[in-house]
């Protein structure tokens, strides 16, 4: 099993800056930010499942256009999997015929381009031997992270979150956890913004990292363009024991 980073930036601004999305093997997306736009048409046609962490635009931006692009080329609907609150937000605010067509009704309700499937915190879903499980998160809207378990190990993604001891307790229970991708959106000088928007700053991340057992590789994502170097320097200082690395688009995890 492979997890490929399509986008991992907290914003736009140049080729490296694509917002959050990960491709698991060839057929599963975790989030559908602007990084999805770099996939070829053939790669887009292979996607069968989209797991969303939450409803914010940087994590769903490519989803409506992707469905429109490949829906008529598929032999069945793409399944969008998320918390019930996230699915309700998509129905109400995106696929509502005002912002975008409702592809659960096109070309017909009996044979749509897209279908919704709710998932609950902690509910394991197995897809051809790959186990994907929603993890706790603490954000301004209902949100989760995800773990992905394969034959040789596990990978985990925090999604958007601020301090969340429950997340780290759950990570400590995952066998063969090889890598943890965790957001740190704002530098410590903007801690007030991080707290108001429920994101990590380096200082807050350091407090939660004290809860992490074992030594999975730590990768930092969702860095804001223009502040990435400053934020990452602060993370490296407070989390040195974990040898944190910056996540990069194109990076591949083998599990």
Protein backbone atom coordinates (compact mmCIF):
# COMPACT_ATOMS: atom_id res chain seq x y z
CA UNK A 1 0.00 0.00 0.00
CA UNK A 2 1.20 3.48 -0.86
CA UNK A 3 0.09 6.91 0.37
CA UNK A 4 1.04 9.72 -2.01
CA UNK A 5 0.96 13.38 -0.98
CA UNK A 6 -0.93 15.40 -3.59
CA UNK A 7 -1.15 18.60 -1.56
CA UNK A 8 -0.11 19.62 1.93
CA UNK A 9 0.02 23.42 2.04
CA UNK A 10 -2.07 25.76 4.14
CA UNK A 11 -2.67 27.96 1.09
CA UNK A 12 -1.78 28.74 -2.51
CA UNK A 13 1.05 30.59 -4.23
CA UNK A 14 3.25 28.73 -6.70
CA UNK A 15 3.63 25.14 -7.84
CA UNK A 16 4.55 23.54 -4.47
CA UNK A 17 1.55 25.03 -2.70
CA UNK A 18 -1.43 22.75 -3.17
CA UNK A 19 -4.01 22.27 -0.45
CA UNK A 20 -4.58 19.03 1.39
CA UNK A 21 -5.11 15.73 -0.39
CA UNK A 22 -3.60 12.25 -0.19
CA UNK A 23 -3.95 9.38 -2.68
CA UNK A 24 -4.02 5.88 -1.18
CA UNK A 25 -2.91 3.43 -3.83
CA UNK A 26 -4.82 4.45 -6.97
CA UNK A 27 -8.43 4.50 -5.82
CA UNK A 28 -8.82 6.30 -2.47
CA UNK A 29 -8.53 9.99 -1.68
CA UNK A 30 -8.19 11.38 1.82
CA UNK A 31 -9.41 14.96 1.44
CA UNK A 32 -9.83 16.62 -1.93
CA UNK A 33 -7.96 19.91 -1.84
CA UNK A 34 -6.37 21.58 -4.84
CA UNK A 35 -3.61 18.97 -5.01
CA UNK A 36 -6.11 16.69 -6.76
CA UNK A 37 -5.86 18.97 -9.79
CA UNK A 38 -2.39 17.67 -10.60
CA UNK A 39 -3.67 14.15 -11.27
CA UNK A 40 -4.08 13.03 -14.86
CA UNK A 41 -7.50 12.22 -16.27
CA UNK A 42 -6.64 8.53 -16.12
CA UNK A 43 -5.66 8.82 -12.45
CA UNK A 44 -8.85 10.71 -11.64
CA UNK A 45 -10.93 8.00 -13.29
CA UNK A 46 -9.41 5.40 -10.94
CA UNK A 47 -10.68 7.09 -7.77
CA UNK A 48 -13.60 5.25 -6.19
CA UNK A 49 -13.67 6.56 -2.62
CA UNK A 50 -13.13 10.00 -1.07
CA UNK A 51 -12.70 10.26 2.71
CA UNK A 52 -13.11 13.82 4.01
CA UNK A 53 -11.75 15.09 7.31
CA UNK A 54 -14.14 18.06 7.44
CA UNK A 55 -16.06 20.53 5.29
CA UNK A 56 -13.63 23.44 4.94
CA UNK A 57 -12.90 24.60 1.42
CA UNK A 58 -9.17 23.85 1.34
CA UNK A 59 -10.02 20.18 1.96
CA UNK A 60 -12.91 19.83 -0.52
CA UNK A 61 -12.11 22.40 -3.25
CA UNK A 62 -11.40 19.89 -6.02
CA UNK A 63 -14.22 17.49 -5.19
CA UNK A 64 -17.07 19.14 -7.16
CA UNK A 65 -14.97 19.61 -10.31
CA UNK A 66 -13.48 16.11 -10.03
CA UNK A 67 -16.97 14.55 -9.90
CA UNK A 68 -18.04 16.61 -12.89
CA UNK A 69 -14.90 15.58 -14.81
CA UNK A 70 -15.05 11.83 -14.32
CA UNK A 71 -18.66 11.02 -13.35
CA UNK A 72 -19.80 10.05 -16.82
CA UNK A 73 -16.64 7.98 -17.34
CA UNK A 74 -17.22 5.76 -14.28
CA UNK A 75 -19.07 2.45 -14.16
CA UNK A 76 -20.53 3.37 -10.77
CA UNK A 77 -20.74 6.27 -8.33
CA UNK A 78 -17.81 7.74 -6.44
CA UNK A 79 -18.45 7.25 -2.72
CA UNK A 80 -17.87 10.29 -0.52
CA UNK A 81 -17.29 9.20 3.08
CA UNK A 82 -17.33 11.58 6.04
CA UNK A 83 -18.99 12.49 9.31
CA UNK A 84 -22.76 13.02 8.93
CA UNK A 85 -22.27 16.73 9.70
CA UNK A 86 -19.70 17.05 6.91
CA UNK A 87 -21.98 15.33 4.41
CA UNK A 88 -24.84 17.60 5.43
CA UNK A 89 -22.61 20.64 4.82
CA UNK A 90 -21.82 19.36 1.31
CA UNK A 91 -25.50 18.81 0.56
CA UNK A 92 -26.54 22.21 1.90
CA UNK A 93 -23.72 24.45 0.71
CA UNK A 94 -21.97 22.82 -2.29
CA UNK A 95 -24.01 20.22 -4.18
CA UNK A 96 -27.19 22.30 -3.95
CA UNK A 97 -27.78 23.34 -7.60
CA UNK A 98 -26.77 26.91 -6.71
CA UNK A 99 -23.03 26.46 -6.15
CA UNK A 100 -22.79 23.13 -8.02
CA UNK A 101 -25.16 20.46 -9.36
CA UNK A 102 -26.30 17.69 -7.04
CA UNK A 103 -24.45 14.73 -8.50
CA UNK A 104 -26.34 12.31 -6.28
CA UNK A 105 -29.23 13.01 -8.68
CA UNK A 106 -27.31 13.05 -12.00
CA UNK A 107 -27.93 11.40 -14.38
CA UNK A 108 -30.58 9.91 -12.06
CA UNK A 109 -31.14 9.13 -8.41
CA UNK A 110 -31.00 5.44 -9.30
CA UNK A 111 -27.68 5.72 -11.14
CA UNK A 112 -25.82 8.77 -9.79
CA UNK A 113 -22.25 9.97 -10.32
CA UNK A 114 -21.77 10.30 -6.56
CA UNK A 115 -23.12 8.80 -3.35
CA UNK A 116 -22.69 9.71 0.30
CA UNK A 117 -21.73 7.30 3.06
CA UNK A 118 -21.56 8.47 6.69
CA UNK A 119 -18.84 7.27 9.01
CA UNK A 120 -18.53 7.65 12.77
CA UNK A 121 -15.52 8.35 14.96
CA UNK A 122 -13.64 5.11 15.55
CA UNK A 123 -15.63 3.17 12.92
CA UNK A 124 -13.22 1.00 10.91
CA UNK A 125 -13.79 0.62 7.18
CA UNK A 126 -11.97 -2.10 5.25
CA UNK A 127 -11.46 -1.69 1.49
CA UNK A 128 -9.56 -4.53 -0.17
CA UNK A 129 -7.39 -5.15 2.88
CA UNK A 130 -6.80 -1.49 3.70
CA UNK A 131 -8.31 -0.37 6.99
CA UNK A 132 -9.24 3.30 7.32
CA UNK A 133 -10.40 4.63 10.68
CA UNK A 134 -11.54 8.15 11.70
CA UNK A 135 -9.47 9.63 14.52
CA UNK A 136 -10.46 12.33 17.05
CA UNK A 137 -9.86 15.96 16.10
CA UNK A 138 -10.69 19.32 17.66
CA UNK A 139 -11.60 21.95 15.07
CA UNK A 140 -14.16 24.73 14.58
CA UNK A 141 -16.43 22.39 12.62
CA UNK A 142 -17.00 18.66 13.18
CA UNK A 143 -13.78 17.02 12.03
CA UNK A 144 -11.72 13.85 12.16
CA UNK A 145 -8.28 12.67 11.23
CA UNK A 146 -7.66 9.25 9.68
CA UNK A 147 -5.39 6.26 10.14
CA UNK A 148 -4.63 3.97 7.22
CA UNK A 149 -3.46 0.46 8.02
CA UNK A 150 -1.92 -1.91 5.51
CA UNK A 151 -0.10 -5.20 5.68
CA UNK A 152 3.24 -3.77 6.78
CA UNK A 153 2.31 -0.79 8.92
CA UNK A 154 0.10 2.21 9.54
CA UNK A 155 0.05 5.90 8.62
CA UNK A 156 -1.98 8.60 10.38
CA UNK A 157 -3.15 12.11 9.55
CA UNK A 158 -4.45 14.58 12.12
CA UNK A 159 -6.63 16.57 9.75
CA UNK A 160 -7.19 20.12 10.97
CA UNK A 161 -7.03 20.23 14.75
CA UNK A 162 -5.76 22.05 17.78
CA UNK A 163 -4.91 20.44 21.13
CA UNK A 164 -6.63 17.06 21.29
CA UNK A 165 -5.35 14.55 23.86
CA UNK A 166 -7.85 12.00 22.54
CA UNK A 167 -6.06 11.99 19.18
CA UNK A 168 -2.72 11.10 20.71
CA UNK A 169 -4.24 8.46 22.97
CA UNK A 170 -5.70 6.81 19.87
CA UNK A 171 -2.39 7.05 17.99
CA UNK A 172 -0.71 5.23 20.87
CA UNK A 173 -3.06 2.28 20.29
CA UNK A 174 -2.17 1.80 16.60
CA UNK A 175 0.18 -1.13 15.96
CA UNK A 176 3.14 -0.58 13.65
CA UNK A 177 2.51 3.16 13.33
CA UNK A 178 5.22 4.27 10.93
CA UNK A 179 4.38 7.91 10.29
CA UNK A 180 2.18 10.66 11.72
CA UNK A 181 1.26 13.68 9.60
CA UNK A 182 0.13 16.51 11.85
CA UNK A 183 -0.87 20.07 11.03
CA UNK A 184 0.82 23.17 12.43
CA UNK A 185 -0.80 26.07 10.65
CA UNK A 186 0.51 29.14 12.48
CA UNK A 187 3.79 30.25 14.09
CA UNK A 188 3.85 30.98 17.80
CA UNK A 189 3.60 34.74 17.16
CA UNK A 190 0.11 34.05 15.79
CA UNK A 191 -0.95 31.76 18.61
CA UNK A 192 -4.07 33.88 19.10
CA UNK A 193 -5.17 33.12 15.53
CA UNK A 194 -4.34 29.43 15.98
CA UNK A 195 -6.50 29.27 19.10
CA UNK A 196 -9.40 31.19 17.55
CA UNK A 197 -9.40 28.98 14.42
CA UNK A 198 -8.51 25.78 16.32
CA UNK A 199 -5.21 24.94 14.68
CA UNK A 200 -1.89 23.98 16.23
CA UNK A 201 0.94 26.40 16.82
CA UNK A 202 4.38 24.89 17.56
CA UNK A 203 4.02 25.52 21.31
CA UNK A 204 0.62 23.83 21.44
CA UNK A 205 1.87 20.93 19.33
CA UNK A 206 4.76 20.41 21.74
CA UNK A 207 2.29 20.02 24.63
CA UNK A 208 0.40 17.27 22.84
CA UNK A 209 3.53 15.56 21.52
CA UNK A 210 4.46 14.86 25.12
CA UNK A 211 1.58 12.35 25.04
CA UNK A 212 2.96 10.40 22.07
CA UNK A 213 4.50 7.04 22.85
CA UNK A 214 6.89 5.23 20.55
CA UNK A 215 8.84 6.88 17.76
CA UNK A 216 6.81 7.12 14.55
CA UNK A 217 8.26 9.55 12.03
CA UNK A 218 6.65 12.98 12.43
CA UNK A 219 5.73 15.08 9.40
CA UNK A 220 4.38 18.64 9.58
CA UNK A 221 1.66 19.78 7.18
CA UNK A 222 -0.71 22.73 6.58
CA UNK A 223 2.06 25.34 6.93
CA UNK A 224 0.93 28.75 5.70
CA UNK A 225 2.80 30.03 2.61
CA UNK A 226 5.23 32.77 3.57
CA UNK A 227 5.44 31.51 7.16
CA UNK A 228 6.51 27.92 6.56
CA UNK A 229 10.21 28.38 7.36
CA UNK A 230 9.52 30.31 10.57
CA UNK A 231 6.89 27.85 11.76
CA UNK A 232 8.99 24.82 10.92
CA UNK A 233 12.01 26.27 12.73
CA UNK A 234 9.88 26.65 15.84
CA UNK A 235 8.54 23.10 15.50
CA UNK A 236 12.06 21.72 15.17
CA UNK A 237 13.12 23.55 18.31
CA UNK A 238 10.29 22.34 20.55
CA UNK A 239 9.89 18.84 19.05
CA UNK A 240 13.53 17.98 18.44
CA UNK A 241 13.23 14.57 20.11
CA UNK A 242 10.76 13.51 17.39
CA UNK A 243 12.96 14.67 14.48
CA UNK A 244 10.08 16.44 12.69
CA UNK A 245 10.22 16.88 8.92
CA UNK A 246 8.23 19.09 6.62
CA UNK A 247 5.74 17.20 4.47
CA UNK A 248 6.22 17.74 0.73
CA UNK A 249 3.93 17.30 -2.26
CA UNK A 250 4.90 14.20 -4.21
CA UNK A 251 6.17 12.37 -1.16
CA UNK A 252 5.18 8.69 -1.00
CA UNK A 253 4.76 6.50 2.07
CA UNK A 254 5.12 2.72 1.56
CA UNK A 255 3.09 0.65 4.01
